[in-house]
Amino acid sequence: MPVISELQGSVLRLTLTGQNTVDDIALALEAGLAAAGPGRTRVLWDGSEAAKAPDARGVDRLIALLRRCQAHLGRVAVVGRSALMFGISRQIAQMLDSDDAPVQAFWDLEPAATWLRRRDSGVHS
């Protein structure tokens, strides 16, 4: 399975592995949000194991997906370890970041997980 979706406490973790499509990601995100129930869910989007970065059209489709789901999202941490994946993570974060659903890009999982666990409402704290 190219996208693994698992609810870890109050955080939905999406792990992209190998080859994946935007449709794979959409199915995993929507299923994870449904499993989390009503309210806003914090999301750890881990692209560090993805075999291939999305192209420009794929990035646009990912942004559209997250906009469609924005009412159900709390904080979203996007992790990309290669320079290309981190750059795409930053692009997604800049396009979607808001006070209601802050989005931030990270190089590594640990700082992303720490940021997601924070209880304050600061967007860039």
PDB file of N, CA and C in Angstrom:
ATOM      1  N   MET A   1       0.852  -1.179   0.000  1.00  0.00           N
ATOM      2  CA  MET A   1       0.000   0.000   0.000  1.00  0.00           C
ATOM      3  C   MET A   1       0.899   1.244   0.000  1.00  0.00           C
ATOM      4  N   PRO A   2       0.736   2.121  -0.953  1.00  0.00           N
ATOM      5  CA  PRO A   2       1.631   3.271  -1.064  1.00  0.00           C
ATOM      6  C   PRO A   2       1.403   4.362  -0.020  1.00  0.00           C
ATOM      7  N   VAL A   3       0.204   4.454   0.547  1.00  0.00           N
ATOM      8  CA  VAL A   3      -0.066   5.449   1.584  1.00  0.00           C
ATOM      9  C   VAL A   3      -0.645   4.724   2.790  1.00  0.00           C
ATOM     10  N   ILE A   4       0.030   4.850   3.916  1.00  0.00           N
ATOM     11  CA  ILE A   4      -0.432   4.226   5.151  1.00  0.00           C
ATOM     12  C   ILE A   4      -1.077   5.311   5.996  1.00  0.00           C
ATOM     13  N   SER A   5      -2.296   5.069   6.413  1.00  0.00           N
ATOM     14  CA  SER A   5      -3.053   6.020   7.222  1.00  0.00           C
ATOM     15  C   SER A   5      -3.313   5.378   8.574  1.00  0.00           C
ATOM     16  N   GLU A   6      -2.845   6.030   9.637  1.00  0.00           N
ATOM     17  CA  GLU A   6      -3.119   5.480  10.967  1.00  0.00           C
ATOM     18  C   GLU A   6      -3.362   6.616  11.957  1.00  0.00           C
ATOM     19  N   LEU A   7      -4.365   6.405  12.786  1.00  0.00           N
ATOM     20  CA  LEU A   7      -4.708   7.359  13.821  1.00  0.00           C
ATOM     21  C   LEU A   7      -3.887   7.026  15.052  1.00  0.00           C
ATOM     22  N   GLN A   8      -3.034   7.966  15.466  1.00  0.00           N
ATOM     23  CA  GLN A   8      -2.164   7.786  16.635  1.00  0.00           C
ATOM     24  C   GLN A   8      -2.595   8.800  17.682  1.00  0.00           C
ATOM     25  N   GLY A   9      -3.515   8.380  18.549  1.00  0.00           N
ATOM     26  CA  GLY A   9      -4.073   9.315  19.518  1.00  0.00           C
ATOM     27  C   GLY A   9      -4.912  10.344  18.779  1.00  0.00           C
ATOM     28  N   SER A  10      -4.556  11.614  18.928  1.00  0.00           N
ATOM     29  CA  SER A  10      -5.309  12.682  18.272  1.00  0.00           C
ATOM     30  C   SER A  10      -4.665  13.125  16.958  1.00  0.00           C
ATOM     31  N   VAL A  11      -3.667  12.381  16.482  1.00  0.00           N
ATOM     32  CA  VAL A  11      -2.947  12.748  15.256  1.00  0.00           C
ATOM     33  C   VAL A  11      -3.154  11.674  14.194  1.00  0.00           C
ATOM     34  N   LEU A  12      -3.551  12.112  13.002  1.00  0.00           N
ATOM     35  CA  LEU A  12      -3.646  11.223  11.859  1.00  0.00           C
ATOM     36  C   LEU A  12      -2.307  11.257  11.137  1.00  0.00           C
ATOM     37  N   ARG A  13      -1.655  10.106  11.046  1.00  0.00           N
ATOM     38  CA  ARG A  13      -0.370  10.035  10.363  1.00  0.00           C
ATOM     39  C   ARG A  13      -0.566   9.408   8.989  1.00  0.00           C
ATOM     40  N   LEU A  14      -0.173  10.142   7.953  1.00  0.00           N
ATOM     41  CA  LEU A  14      -0.170   9.644   6.587  1.00  0.00           C
ATOM     42  C   LEU A  14       1.276   9.433   6.192  1.00  0.00           C
ATOM     43  N   THR A  15       1.640   8.197   5.891  1.00  0.00           N
ATOM     44  CA  THR A  15       3.008   7.882   5.480  1.00  0.00           C
ATOM     45  C   THR A  15       2.985   7.484   4.018  1.00  0.00           C
ATOM     46  N   LEU A  16       3.663   8.264   3.187  1.00  0.00           N
ATOM     47  CA  LEU A  16       3.750   7.983   1.766  1.00  0.00           C
ATOM     48  C   LEU A  16       4.977   7.119   1.531  1.00  0.00           C
ATOM     49  N   THR A  17       4.772   5.934   0.972  1.00  0.00           N
ATOM     50  CA  THR A  17       5.877   5.020   0.714  1.00  0.00           C
ATOM     51  C   THR A  17       5.860   4.620  -0.754  1.00  0.00           C
ATOM     52  N   GLY A  18       7.027   4.431  -1.310  1.00  0.00           N
ATOM     53  CA  GLY A  18       7.115   3.980  -2.695  1.00  0.00           C
ATOM     54  C   GLY A  18       6.432   4.951  -3.637  1.00  0.00           C
ATOM     55  N   GLN A  19       5.812   4.399  -4.680  1.00  0.00           N
ATOM     56  CA  GLN A  19       5.075   5.190  -5.658  1.00  0.00           C
ATOM     57  C   GLN A  19       3.677   5.433  -5.127  1.00  0.00           C
ATOM     58  N   ASN A  20       3.172   6.643  -5.272  1.00  0.00           N
ATOM     59  CA  ASN A  20       1.799   6.921  -4.864  1.00  0.00           C
ATOM     60  C   ASN A  20       1.210   7.978  -5.777  1.00  0.00           C
ATOM     61  N   THR A  21      -0.111   8.017  -5.798  1.00  0.00           N
ATOM     62  CA  THR A  21      -0.821   9.001  -6.605  1.00  0.00           C
ATOM     63  C   THR A  21      -1.604   9.922  -5.680  1.00  0.00           C
ATOM     64  N   VAL A  22      -2.060  11.023  -6.240  1.00  0.00           N
ATOM     65  CA  VAL A  22      -2.895  11.932  -5.457  1.00  0.00           C
ATOM     66  C   VAL A  22      -4.175  11.218  -5.048  1.00  0.00           C
ATOM     67  N   ASP A  23      -4.688  10.343  -5.902  1.00  0.00           N
ATOM     68  CA  ASP A  23      -5.893   9.587  -5.548  1.00  0.00           C
ATOM     69  C   ASP A  23      -5.644   8.670  -4.350  1.00  0.00           C
ATOM     70  N   ASP A  24      -4.460   8.038  -4.285  1.00  0.00           N
ATOM     71  CA  ASP A  24      -4.102   7.213  -3.119  1.00  0.00           C
ATOM     72  C   ASP A  24      -4.104   8.069  -1.849  1.00  0.00           C
ATOM     73  N   ILE A  25      -3.497   9.244  -1.953  1.00  0.00           N
ATOM     74  CA  ILE A  25      -3.397  10.145  -0.801  1.00  0.00           C
ATOM     75  C   ILE A  25      -4.787  10.611  -0.379  1.00  0.00           C
ATOM     76  N   ALA A  26      -5.631  10.964  -1.355  1.00  0.00           N
ATOM     77  CA  ALA A  26      -6.984  11.427  -1.048  1.00  0.00           C
ATOM     78  C   ALA A  26      -7.782  10.361  -0.312  1.00  0.00           C
ATOM     79  N   LEU A  27      -7.720   9.111  -0.794  1.00  0.00           N
ATOM     80  CA  LEU A  27      -8.448   8.023  -0.131  1.00  0.00           C
ATOM     81  C   LEU A  27      -7.973   7.839   1.308  1.00  0.00           C
ATOM     82  N   ALA A  28      -6.654   7.868   1.512  1.00  0.00           N
ATOM     83  CA  ALA A  28      -6.104   7.671   2.857  1.00  0.00           C
ATOM     84  C   ALA A  28      -6.480   8.832   3.783  1.00  0.00           C
ATOM     85  N   LEU A  29      -6.390  10.053   3.284  1.00  0.00           N
ATOM     86  CA  LEU A  29      -6.724  11.219   4.109  1.00  0.00           C
ATOM     87  C   LEU A  29      -8.203  11.215   4.478  1.00  0.00           C
ATOM     88  N   GLU A  30      -9.053  11.006   3.495  1.00  0.00           N
ATOM     89  CA  GLU A  30     -10.492  11.019   3.765  1.00  0.00           C
ATOM     90  C   GLU A  30     -10.902   9.896   4.712  1.00  0.00           C
ATOM     91  N   ALA A  31     -10.326   8.709   4.538  1.00  0.00           N
ATOM     92  CA  ALA A  31     -10.630   7.595   5.447  1.00  0.00           C
ATOM     93  C   ALA A  31     -10.130   7.900   6.856  1.00  0.00           C
ATOM     94  N   GLY A  32      -8.947   8.470   6.969  1.00  0.00           N
ATOM     95  CA  GLY A  32      -8.394   8.817   8.275  1.00  0.00           C
ATOM     96  C   GLY A  32      -9.213   9.873   8.989  1.00  0.00           C
ATOM     97  N   LEU A  33      -9.648  10.895   8.242  1.00  0.00           N
ATOM     98  CA  LEU A  33     -10.474  11.942   8.857  1.00  0.00           C
ATOM     99  C   LEU A  33     -11.826  11.384   9.294  1.00  0.00           C
ATOM    100  N   ALA A  34     -12.387  10.485   8.503  1.00  0.00           N
ATOM    101  CA  ALA A  34     -13.656   9.849   8.886  1.00  0.00           C
ATOM    102  C   ALA A  34     -13.483   9.021  10.157  1.00  0.00           C
ATOM    103  N   ALA A  35     -12.371   8.290  10.251  1.00  0.00           N
ATOM    104  CA  ALA A  35     -12.103   7.472  11.441  1.00  0.00           C
ATOM    105  C   ALA A  35     -11.884   8.339  12.676  1.00  0.00           C
ATOM    106  N   ALA A  36     -11.319   9.533  12.481  1.00  0.00           N
ATOM    107  CA  ALA A  36     -11.053  10.428  13.605  1.00  0.00           C
ATOM    108  C   ALA A  36     -12.335  11.018  14.176  1.00  0.00           C
ATOM    109  N   GLY A  37     -13.385  11.063  13.388  1.00  0.00           N
ATOM    110  CA  GLY A  37     -14.663  11.579  13.863  1.00  0.00           C
ATOM    111  C   GLY A  37     -14.793  13.086  13.686  1.00  0.00           C
ATOM    112  N   PRO A  38     -15.833  13.657  14.306  1.00  0.00           N
ATOM    113  CA  PRO A  38     -16.098  15.086  14.117  1.00  0.00           C
ATOM    114  C   PRO A  38     -15.006  15.966  14.738  1.00  0.00           C
ATOM    115  N   GLY A  39     -14.964  17.177  14.291  1.00  0.00           N
ATOM    116  CA  GLY A  39     -13.980  18.131  14.811  1.00  0.00           C
ATOM    117  C   GLY A  39     -12.760  18.183  13.913  1.00  0.00           C
ATOM    118  N   ARG A  40     -11.764  18.900  14.386  1.00  0.00           N
ATOM    119  CA  ARG A  40     -10.529  19.089  13.619  1.00  0.00           C
ATOM    120  C   ARG A  40      -9.484  18.067  14.044  1.00  0.00           C
ATOM    121  N   THR A  41      -8.799  17.517  13.067  1.00  0.00           N
ATOM    122  CA  THR A  41      -7.783  16.491  13.306  1.00  0.00           C
ATOM    123  C   THR A  41      -6.419  17.014  12.897  1.00  0.00           C
ATOM    124  N   ARG A  42      -5.436  16.820  13.755  1.00  0.00           N
ATOM    125  CA  ARG A  42      -4.057  17.177  13.420  1.00  0.00           C
ATOM    126  C   ARG A  42      -3.487  16.084  12.522  1.00  0.00           C
ATOM    127  N   VAL A  43      -2.713  16.497  11.510  1.00  0.00           N
ATOM    128  CA  VAL A  43      -2.220  15.552  10.513  1.00  0.00           C
ATOM    129  C   VAL A  43      -0.705  15.640  10.404  1.00  0.00           C
ATOM    130  N   LEU A  44      -0.064  14.487  10.478  1.00  0.00           N
ATOM    131  CA  LEU A  44       1.367  14.365  10.208  1.00  0.00           C
ATOM    132  C   LEU A  44       1.493  13.711   8.843  1.00  0.00           C
ATOM    133  N   TRP A  45       1.886  14.487   7.860  1.00  0.00           N
ATOM    134  CA  TRP A  45       1.984  14.054   6.471  1.00  0.00           C
ATOM    135  C   TRP A  45       3.446  13.750   6.217  1.00  0.00           C
ATOM    136  N   ASP A  46       3.816  12.472   6.201  1.00  0.00           N
ATOM    137  CA  ASP A  46       5.213  12.069   6.095  1.00  0.00           C
ATOM    138  C   ASP A  46       5.541  11.616   4.676  1.00  0.00           C
ATOM    139  N   GLY A  47       6.206  12.490   3.923  1.00  0.00           N
ATOM    140  CA  GLY A  47       6.608  12.163   2.571  1.00  0.00           C
ATOM    141  C   GLY A  47       8.058  11.737   2.470  1.00  0.00           C
ATOM    142  N   SER A  48       8.680  11.455   3.615  1.00  0.00           N
ATOM    143  CA  SER A  48      10.115  11.166   3.624  1.00  0.00           C
ATOM    144  C   SER A  48      10.470   9.830   2.962  1.00  0.00           C
ATOM    145  N   GLU A  49       9.500   8.913   2.821  1.00  0.00           N
ATOM    146  CA  GLU A  49       9.774   7.622   2.198  1.00  0.00           C
ATOM    147  C   GLU A  49       9.168   7.499   0.800  1.00  0.00           C
ATOM    148  N   ALA A  50       8.614   8.590   0.297  1.00  0.00           N
ATOM    149  CA  ALA A  50       8.015   8.550  -1.039  1.00  0.00           C
ATOM    150  C   ALA A  50       9.117   8.378  -2.082  1.00  0.00           C
ATOM    151  N   ALA A  51       8.861   7.529  -3.068  1.00  0.00           N
ATOM    152  CA  ALA A  51       9.865   7.255  -4.092  1.00  0.00           C
ATOM    153  C   ALA A  51       9.977   8.383  -5.105  1.00  0.00           C
ATOM    154  N   LYS A  52       8.907   9.155  -5.242  1.00  0.00           N
ATOM    155  CA  LYS A  52       8.881  10.186  -6.273  1.00  0.00           C
ATOM    156  C   LYS A  52       8.078  11.378  -5.777  1.00  0.00           C
ATOM    157  N   ALA A  53       8.599  12.563  -6.015  1.00  0.00           N
ATOM    158  CA  ALA A  53       7.875  13.784  -5.651  1.00  0.00           C
ATOM    159  C   ALA A  53       6.788  14.054  -6.686  1.00  0.00           C
ATOM    160  N   PRO A  54       5.689  14.671  -6.267  1.00  0.00           N
ATOM    161  CA  PRO A  54       4.644  14.994  -7.245  1.00  0.00           C
ATOM    162  C   PRO A  54       5.123  16.077  -8.208  1.00  0.00           C
ATOM    163  N   ASP A  55       4.579  16.036  -9.425  1.00  0.00           N
ATOM    164  CA  ASP A  55       4.883  17.096 -10.384  1.00  0.00           C
ATOM    165  C   ASP A  55       3.999  18.311 -10.068  1.00  0.00           C
ATOM    166  N   ALA A  56       4.096  19.362 -10.861  1.00  0.00           N
ATOM    167  CA  ALA A  56       3.361  20.604 -10.584  1.00  0.00           C
ATOM    168  C   ALA A  56       1.849  20.354 -10.540  1.00  0.00           C
ATOM    169  N   ARG A  57       1.339  19.542 -11.456  1.00  0.00           N
ATOM    170  CA  ARG A  57      -0.093  19.237 -11.450  1.00  0.00           C
ATOM    171  C   ARG A  57      -0.472  18.468 -10.185  1.00  0.00           C
ATOM    172  N   GLY A  58       0.388  17.544  -9.772  1.00  0.00           N
ATOM    173  CA  GLY A  58       0.134  16.791  -8.550  1.00  0.00           C
ATOM    174  C   GLY A  58       0.119  17.679  -7.319  1.00  0.00           C
ATOM    175  N   VAL A  59       1.031  18.649  -7.257  1.00  0.00           N
ATOM    176  CA  VAL A  59       1.056  19.594  -6.131  1.00  0.00           C
ATOM    177  C   VAL A  59      -0.239  20.397  -6.108  1.00  0.00           C
ATOM    178  N   ASP A  60      -0.687  20.873  -7.268  1.00  0.00           N
ATOM    179  CA  ASP A  60      -1.945  21.619  -7.337  1.00  0.00           C
ATOM    180  C   ASP A  60      -3.111  20.768  -6.861  1.00  0.00           C
ATOM    181  N   ARG A  61      -3.122  19.490  -7.230  1.00  0.00           N
ATOM    182  CA  ARG A  61      -4.199  18.594  -6.799  1.00  0.00           C
ATOM    183  C   ARG A  61      -4.134  18.333  -5.291  1.00  0.00           C
ATOM    184  N   LEU A  62      -2.918  18.237  -4.727  1.00  0.00           N
ATOM    185  CA  LEU A  62      -2.777  18.054  -3.273  1.00  0.00           C
ATOM    186  C   LEU A  62      -3.290  19.274  -2.530  1.00  0.00           C
ATOM    187  N   ILE A  63      -2.966  20.454  -3.028  1.00  0.00           N
ATOM    188  CA  ILE A  63      -3.439  21.686  -2.403  1.00  0.00           C
ATOM    189  C   ILE A  63      -4.966  21.748  -2.459  1.00  0.00           C
ATOM    190  N   ALA A  64      -5.541  21.398  -3.611  1.00  0.00           N
ATOM    191  CA  ALA A  64      -7.005  21.381  -3.739  1.00  0.00           C
ATOM    192  C   ALA A  64      -7.627  20.375  -2.770  1.00  0.00           C
ATOM    193  N   LEU A  65      -6.999  19.213  -2.617  1.00  0.00           N
ATOM    194  CA  LEU A  65      -7.484  18.202  -1.676  1.00  0.00           C
ATOM    195  C   LEU A  65      -7.512  18.755  -0.259  1.00  0.00           C
ATOM    196  N   LEU A  66      -6.416  19.362   0.154  1.00  0.00           N
ATOM    197  CA  LEU A  66      -6.351  19.895   1.513  1.00  0.00           C
ATOM    198  C   LEU A  66      -7.337  21.047   1.709  1.00  0.00           C
ATOM    199  N   ARG A  67      -7.554  21.845   0.697  1.00  0.00           N
ATOM    200  CA  ARG A  67      -8.555  22.925   0.807  1.00  0.00           C
ATOM    201  C   ARG A  67      -9.946  22.337   0.994  1.00  0.00           C
ATOM    202  N   ARG A  68     -10.257  21.260   0.265  1.00  0.00           N
ATOM    203  CA  ARG A  68     -11.563  20.614   0.416  1.00  0.00           C
ATOM    204  C   ARG A  68     -11.756  20.077   1.827  1.00  0.00           C
ATOM    205  N   CYS A  69     -10.687  19.622   2.449  1.00  0.00           N
ATOM    206  CA  CYS A  69     -10.756  19.006   3.779  1.00  0.00           C
ATOM    207  C   CYS A  69     -10.492  20.012   4.906  1.00  0.00           C
ATOM    208  N   GLN A  70     -10.216  21.256   4.575  1.00  0.00           N
ATOM    209  CA  GLN A  70      -9.709  22.211   5.561  1.00  0.00           C
ATOM    210  C   GLN A  70     -10.602  22.367   6.795  1.00  0.00           C
ATOM    211  N   ALA A  71     -11.911  22.244   6.636  1.00  0.00           N
ATOM    212  CA  ALA A  71     -12.813  22.385   7.785  1.00  0.00           C
ATOM    213  C   ALA A  71     -12.600  21.280   8.817  1.00  0.00           C
ATOM    214  N   HIS A  72     -11.957  20.174   8.413  1.00  0.00           N
ATOM    215  CA  HIS A  72     -11.733  19.038   9.308  1.00  0.00           C
ATOM    216  C   HIS A  72     -10.294  18.943   9.803  1.00  0.00           C
ATOM    217  N   LEU A  73      -9.463  19.885   9.369  1.00  0.00           N
ATOM    218  CA  LEU A  73      -8.046  19.826   9.707  1.00  0.00           C
ATOM    219  C   LEU A  73      -7.692  20.752  10.852  1.00  0.00           C
ATOM    220  N   GLY A  74      -6.889  20.238  11.776  1.00  0.00           N
ATOM    221  CA  GLY A  74      -6.226  21.077  12.765  1.00  0.00           C
ATOM    222  C   GLY A  74      -4.869  21.433  12.169  1.00  0.00           C
ATOM    223  N   ARG A  75      -3.839  21.382  12.958  1.00  0.00           N
ATOM    224  CA  ARG A  75      -2.498  21.616  12.428  1.00  0.00           C
ATOM    225  C   ARG A  75      -2.122  20.505  11.450  1.00  0.00           C
ATOM    226  N   VAL A  76      -1.359  20.883  10.424  1.00  0.00           N
ATOM    227  CA  VAL A  76      -0.857  19.910   9.460  1.00  0.00           C
ATOM    228  C   VAL A  76       0.652  20.096   9.352  1.00  0.00           C
ATOM    229  N   ALA A  77       1.396  19.059   9.665  1.00  0.00           N
ATOM    230  CA  ALA A  77       2.858  19.075   9.525  1.00  0.00           C
ATOM    231  C   ALA A  77       3.206  18.221   8.312  1.00  0.00           C
ATOM    232  N   VAL A  78       3.948  18.809   7.369  1.00  0.00           N
ATOM    233  CA  VAL A  78       4.342  18.111   6.147  1.00  0.00           C
ATOM    234  C   VAL A  78       5.851  17.890   6.205  1.00  0.00           C
ATOM    235  N   VAL A  79       6.268  16.622   6.129  1.00  0.00           N
ATOM    236  CA  VAL A  79       7.690  16.283   6.245  1.00  0.00           C
ATOM    237  C   VAL A  79       8.228  15.833   4.896  1.00  0.00           C
ATOM    238  N   GLY A  80       9.336  16.449   4.494  1.00  0.00           N
ATOM    239  CA  GLY A  80      10.034  16.047   3.276  1.00  0.00           C
ATOM    240  C   GLY A  80      11.526  16.096   3.536  1.00  0.00           C
ATOM    241  N   ARG A  81      12.228  14.993   3.363  1.00  0.00           N
ATOM    242  CA  ARG A  81      13.657  14.940   3.707  1.00  0.00           C
ATOM    243  C   ARG A  81      14.581  15.304   2.558  1.00  0.00           C
ATOM    244  N   SER A  82      14.165  15.086   1.319  1.00  0.00           N
ATOM    245  CA  SER A  82      15.011  15.514   0.203  1.00  0.00           C
ATOM    246  C   SER A  82      14.749  17.005  -0.035  1.00  0.00           C
ATOM    247  N   ALA A  83      15.673  17.656  -0.695  1.00  0.00           N
ATOM    248  CA  ALA A  83      15.503  19.082  -0.978  1.00  0.00           C
ATOM    249  C   ALA A  83      14.231  19.315  -1.800  1.00  0.00           C
ATOM    250  N   LEU A  84      13.967  18.444  -2.756  1.00  0.00           N
ATOM    251  CA  LEU A  84      12.781  18.591  -3.592  1.00  0.00           C
ATOM    252  C   LEU A  84      11.507  18.406  -2.776  1.00  0.00           C
ATOM    253  N   MET A  85      11.444  17.340  -1.969  1.00  0.00           N
ATOM    254  CA  MET A  85      10.245  17.096  -1.159  1.00  0.00           C
ATOM    255  C   MET A  85      10.036  18.191  -0.119  1.00  0.00           C
ATOM    256  N   PHE A  86      11.127  18.694   0.466  1.00  0.00           N
ATOM    257  CA  PHE A  86      10.984  19.778   1.436  1.00  0.00           C
ATOM    258  C   PHE A  86      10.472  21.031   0.732  1.00  0.00           C
ATOM    259  N   GLY A  87      10.973  21.308  -0.460  1.00  0.00           N
ATOM    260  CA  GLY A  87      10.502  22.464  -1.218  1.00  0.00           C
ATOM    261  C   GLY A  87       9.021  22.365  -1.532  1.00  0.00           C
ATOM    262  N   ILE A  88       8.577  21.180  -1.924  1.00  0.00           N
ATOM    263  CA  ILE A  88       7.154  20.974  -2.186  1.00  0.00           C
ATOM    264  C   ILE A  88       6.356  21.120  -0.895  1.00  0.00           C
ATOM    265  N   SER A  89       6.891  20.612   0.207  1.00  0.00           N
ATOM    266  CA  SER A  89       6.233  20.757   1.507  1.00  0.00           C
ATOM    267  C   SER A  89       6.052  22.230   1.858  1.00  0.00           C
ATOM    268  N   ARG A  90       7.083  23.020   1.619  1.00  0.00           N
ATOM    269  CA  ARG A  90       7.006  24.468   1.895  1.00  0.00           C
ATOM    270  C   ARG A  90       5.974  25.142   1.001  1.00  0.00           C
ATOM    271  N   GLN A  91       5.923  24.739  -0.263  1.00  0.00           N
ATOM    272  CA  GLN A  91       4.943  25.312  -1.183  1.00  0.00           C
ATOM    273  C   GLN A  91       3.527  25.019  -0.697  1.00  0.00           C
ATOM    274  N   ILE A  92       3.269  23.782  -0.305  1.00  0.00           N
ATOM    275  CA  ILE A  92       1.954  23.407   0.208  1.00  0.00           C
ATOM    276  C   ILE A  92       1.639  24.214   1.465  1.00  0.00           C
ATOM    277  N   ALA A  93       2.601  24.311   2.371  1.00  0.00           N
ATOM    278  CA  ALA A  93       2.393  25.052   3.620  1.00  0.00           C
ATOM    279  C   ALA A  93       2.078  26.520   3.341  1.00  0.00           C
ATOM    280  N   GLN A  94       2.795  27.135   2.446  1.00  0.00           N
ATOM    281  CA  GLN A  94       2.562  28.556   2.149  1.00  0.00           C
ATOM    282  C   GLN A  94       1.206  28.786   1.508  1.00  0.00           C
ATOM    283  N   MET A  95       0.755  27.850   0.700  1.00  0.00           N
ATOM    284  CA  MET A  95      -0.534  28.007   0.025  1.00  0.00           C
ATOM    285  C   MET A  95      -1.723  27.791   0.966  1.00  0.00           C
ATOM    286  N   LEU A  96      -1.523  27.026   2.029  1.00  0.00           N
ATOM    287  CA  LEU A  96      -2.648  26.619   2.870  1.00  0.00           C
ATOM    288  C   LEU A  96      -2.633  27.165   4.290  1.00  0.00           C
ATOM    289  N   ASP A  97      -1.534  27.693   4.743  1.00  0.00           N
ATOM    290  CA  ASP A  97      -1.406  28.108   6.144  1.00  0.00           C
ATOM    291  C   ASP A  97      -2.469  29.145   6.497  1.00  0.00           C
ATOM    292  N   SER A  98      -3.175  28.905   7.596  1.00  0.00           N
ATOM    293  CA  SER A  98      -4.170  29.851   8.107  1.00  0.00           C
ATOM    294  C   SER A  98      -4.242  29.705   9.615  1.00  0.00           C
ATOM    295  N   ASP A  99      -4.905  30.673  10.249  1.00  0.00           N
ATOM    296  CA  ASP A  99      -5.064  30.595  11.698  1.00  0.00           C
ATOM    297  C   ASP A  99      -5.933  29.409  12.104  1.00  0.00           C
ATOM    298  N   ASP A 100      -6.909  29.051  11.264  1.00  0.00           N
ATOM    299  CA  ASP A 100      -7.799  27.933  11.584  1.00  0.00           C
ATOM    300  C   ASP A 100      -7.125  26.581  11.394  1.00  0.00           C
ATOM    301  N   ALA A 101      -6.280  26.466  10.385  1.00  0.00           N
ATOM    302  CA  ALA A 101      -5.609  25.199  10.087  1.00  0.00           C
ATOM    303  C   ALA A 101      -4.168  25.485   9.690  1.00  0.00           C
ATOM    304  N   PRO A 102      -3.315  25.741  10.685  1.00  0.00           N
ATOM    305  CA  PRO A 102      -1.922  26.046  10.358  1.00  0.00           C
ATOM    306  C   PRO A 102      -1.216  24.853   9.713  1.00  0.00           C
ATOM    307  N   VAL A 103      -0.395  25.151   8.720  1.00  0.00           N
ATOM    308  CA  VAL A 103       0.362  24.131   7.995  1.00  0.00           C
ATOM    309  C   VAL A 103       1.822  24.552   8.018  1.00  0.00           C
ATOM    310  N   GLN A 104       2.700  23.610   8.357  1.00  0.00           N
ATOM    311  CA  GLN A 104       4.120  23.911   8.400  1.00  0.00           C
ATOM    312  C   GLN A 104       4.925  22.766   7.806  1.00  0.00           C
ATOM    313  N   ALA A 105       6.038  23.111   7.151  1.00  0.00           N
ATOM    314  CA  ALA A 105       6.925  22.120   6.549  1.00  0.00           C
ATOM    315  C   ALA A 105       8.094  21.838   7.478  1.00  0.00           C
ATOM    316  N   PHE A 106       8.543  20.584   7.472  1.00  0.00           N
ATOM    317  CA  PHE A 106       9.651  20.148   8.321  1.00  0.00           C
ATOM    318  C   PHE A 106      10.565  19.216   7.534  1.00  0.00           C
ATOM    319  N   TRP A 107      11.856  19.217   7.917  1.00  0.00           N
ATOM    320  CA  TRP A 107      12.836  18.284   7.359  1.00  0.00           C
ATOM    321  C   TRP A 107      12.740  16.923   8.029  1.00  0.00           C
ATOM    322  N   ASP A 108      12.394  16.904   9.324  1.00  0.00           N
ATOM    323  CA  ASP A 108      12.434  15.670  10.115  1.00  0.00           C
ATOM    324  C   ASP A 108      11.129  15.447  10.870  1.00  0.00           C
ATOM    325  N   LEU A 109      10.886  14.181  11.194  1.00  0.00           N
ATOM    326  CA  LEU A 109       9.651  13.799  11.878  1.00  0.00           C
ATOM    327  C   LEU A 109       9.541  14.333  13.301  1.00  0.00           C
ATOM    328  N   GLU A 110      10.623  14.267  14.066  1.00  0.00           N
ATOM    329  CA  GLU A 110      10.532  14.631  15.488  1.00  0.00           C
ATOM    330  C   GLU A 110      10.079  16.077  15.707  1.00  0.00           C
ATOM    331  N   PRO A 111      10.687  17.077  15.040  1.00  0.00           N
ATOM    332  CA  PRO A 111      10.188  18.444  15.228  1.00  0.00           C
ATOM    333  C   PRO A 111       8.742  18.606  14.753  1.00  0.00           C
ATOM    334  N   ALA A 112       8.365  17.874  13.697  1.00  0.00           N
ATOM    335  CA  ALA A 112       6.986  17.939  13.211  1.00  0.00           C
ATOM    336  C   ALA A 112       6.024  17.394  14.265  1.00  0.00           C
ATOM    337  N   ALA A 113       6.359  16.251  14.852  1.00  0.00           N
ATOM    338  CA  ALA A 113       5.509  15.644  15.877  1.00  0.00           C
ATOM    339  C   ALA A 113       5.416  16.543  17.112  1.00  0.00           C
ATOM    340  N   THR A 114       6.518  17.148  17.491  1.00  0.00           N
ATOM    341  CA  THR A 114       6.517  18.066  18.643  1.00  0.00           C
ATOM    342  C   THR A 114       5.596  19.250  18.375  1.00  0.00           C
ATOM    343  N   TRP A 115       5.683  19.834  17.190  1.00  0.00           N
ATOM    344  CA  TRP A 115       4.841  20.978  16.827  1.00  0.00           C
ATOM    345  C   TRP A 115       3.363  20.585  16.845  1.00  0.00           C
ATOM    346  N   LEU A 116       3.056  19.383  16.353  1.00  0.00           N
ATOM    347  CA  LEU A 116       1.661  18.925  16.339  1.00  0.00           C
ATOM    348  C   LEU A 116       1.104  18.740  17.747  1.00  0.00           C
ATOM    349  N   ARG A 117       1.940  18.316  18.674  1.00  0.00           N
ATOM    350  CA  ARG A 117       1.484  18.056  20.053  1.00  0.00           C
ATOM    351  C   ARG A 117       1.255  19.323  20.862  1.00  0.00           C
ATOM    352  N   ARG A 118       1.798  20.430  20.424  1.00  0.00           N
ATOM    353  CA  ARG A 118       1.645  21.678  21.186  1.00  0.00           C
ATOM    354  C   ARG A 118       0.184  22.027  21.372  1.00  0.00           C
ATOM    355  N   ARG A 119      -0.150  22.519  22.514  1.00  0.00           N
ATOM    356  CA  ARG A 119      -1.544  22.847  22.832  1.00  0.00           C
ATOM    357  C   ARG A 119      -1.906  24.306  22.579  1.00  0.00           C
ATOM    358  N   ASP A 120      -0.907  25.182  22.442  1.00  0.00           N
ATOM    359  CA  ASP A 120      -1.209  26.600  22.240  1.00  0.00           C
ATOM    360  C   ASP A 120      -1.776  26.806  20.841  1.00  0.00           C
ATOM    361  N   SER A 121      -2.338  27.968  20.604  1.00  0.00           N
ATOM    362  CA  SER A 121      -2.964  28.237  19.315  1.00  0.00           C
ATOM    363  C   SER A 121      -2.042  28.987  18.365  1.00  0.00           C
ATOM    364  N   GLY A 122      -0.795  29.221  18.764  1.00  0.00           N
ATOM    365  CA  GLY A 122       0.110  29.955  17.901  1.00  0.00           C
ATOM    366  C   GLY A 122       0.400  29.203  16.623  1.00  0.00           C
ATOM    367  N   VAL A 123       0.284  29.882  15.493  1.00  0.00           N
ATOM    368  CA  VAL A 123       0.460  29.247  14.201  1.00  0.00           C
ATOM    369  C   VAL A 123       1.896  28.846  13.977  1.00  0.00           C
ATOM    370  N   HIS A 124       2.832  29.742  14.233  1.00  0.00           N
ATOM    371  CA  HIS A 124       4.224  29.475  13.914  1.00  0.00           C
ATOM    372  C   HIS A 124       5.094  29.351  15.157  1.00  0.00           C
ATOM    373  N   SER A 125       4.488  28.981  16.263  1.00  0.00           N
ATOM    374  CA  SER A 125       5.228  28.855  17.518  1.00  0.00           C
ATOM    375  C   SER A 125       6.042  27.588  17.525  1.00  0.00           C
TER     376      SER A 125
END
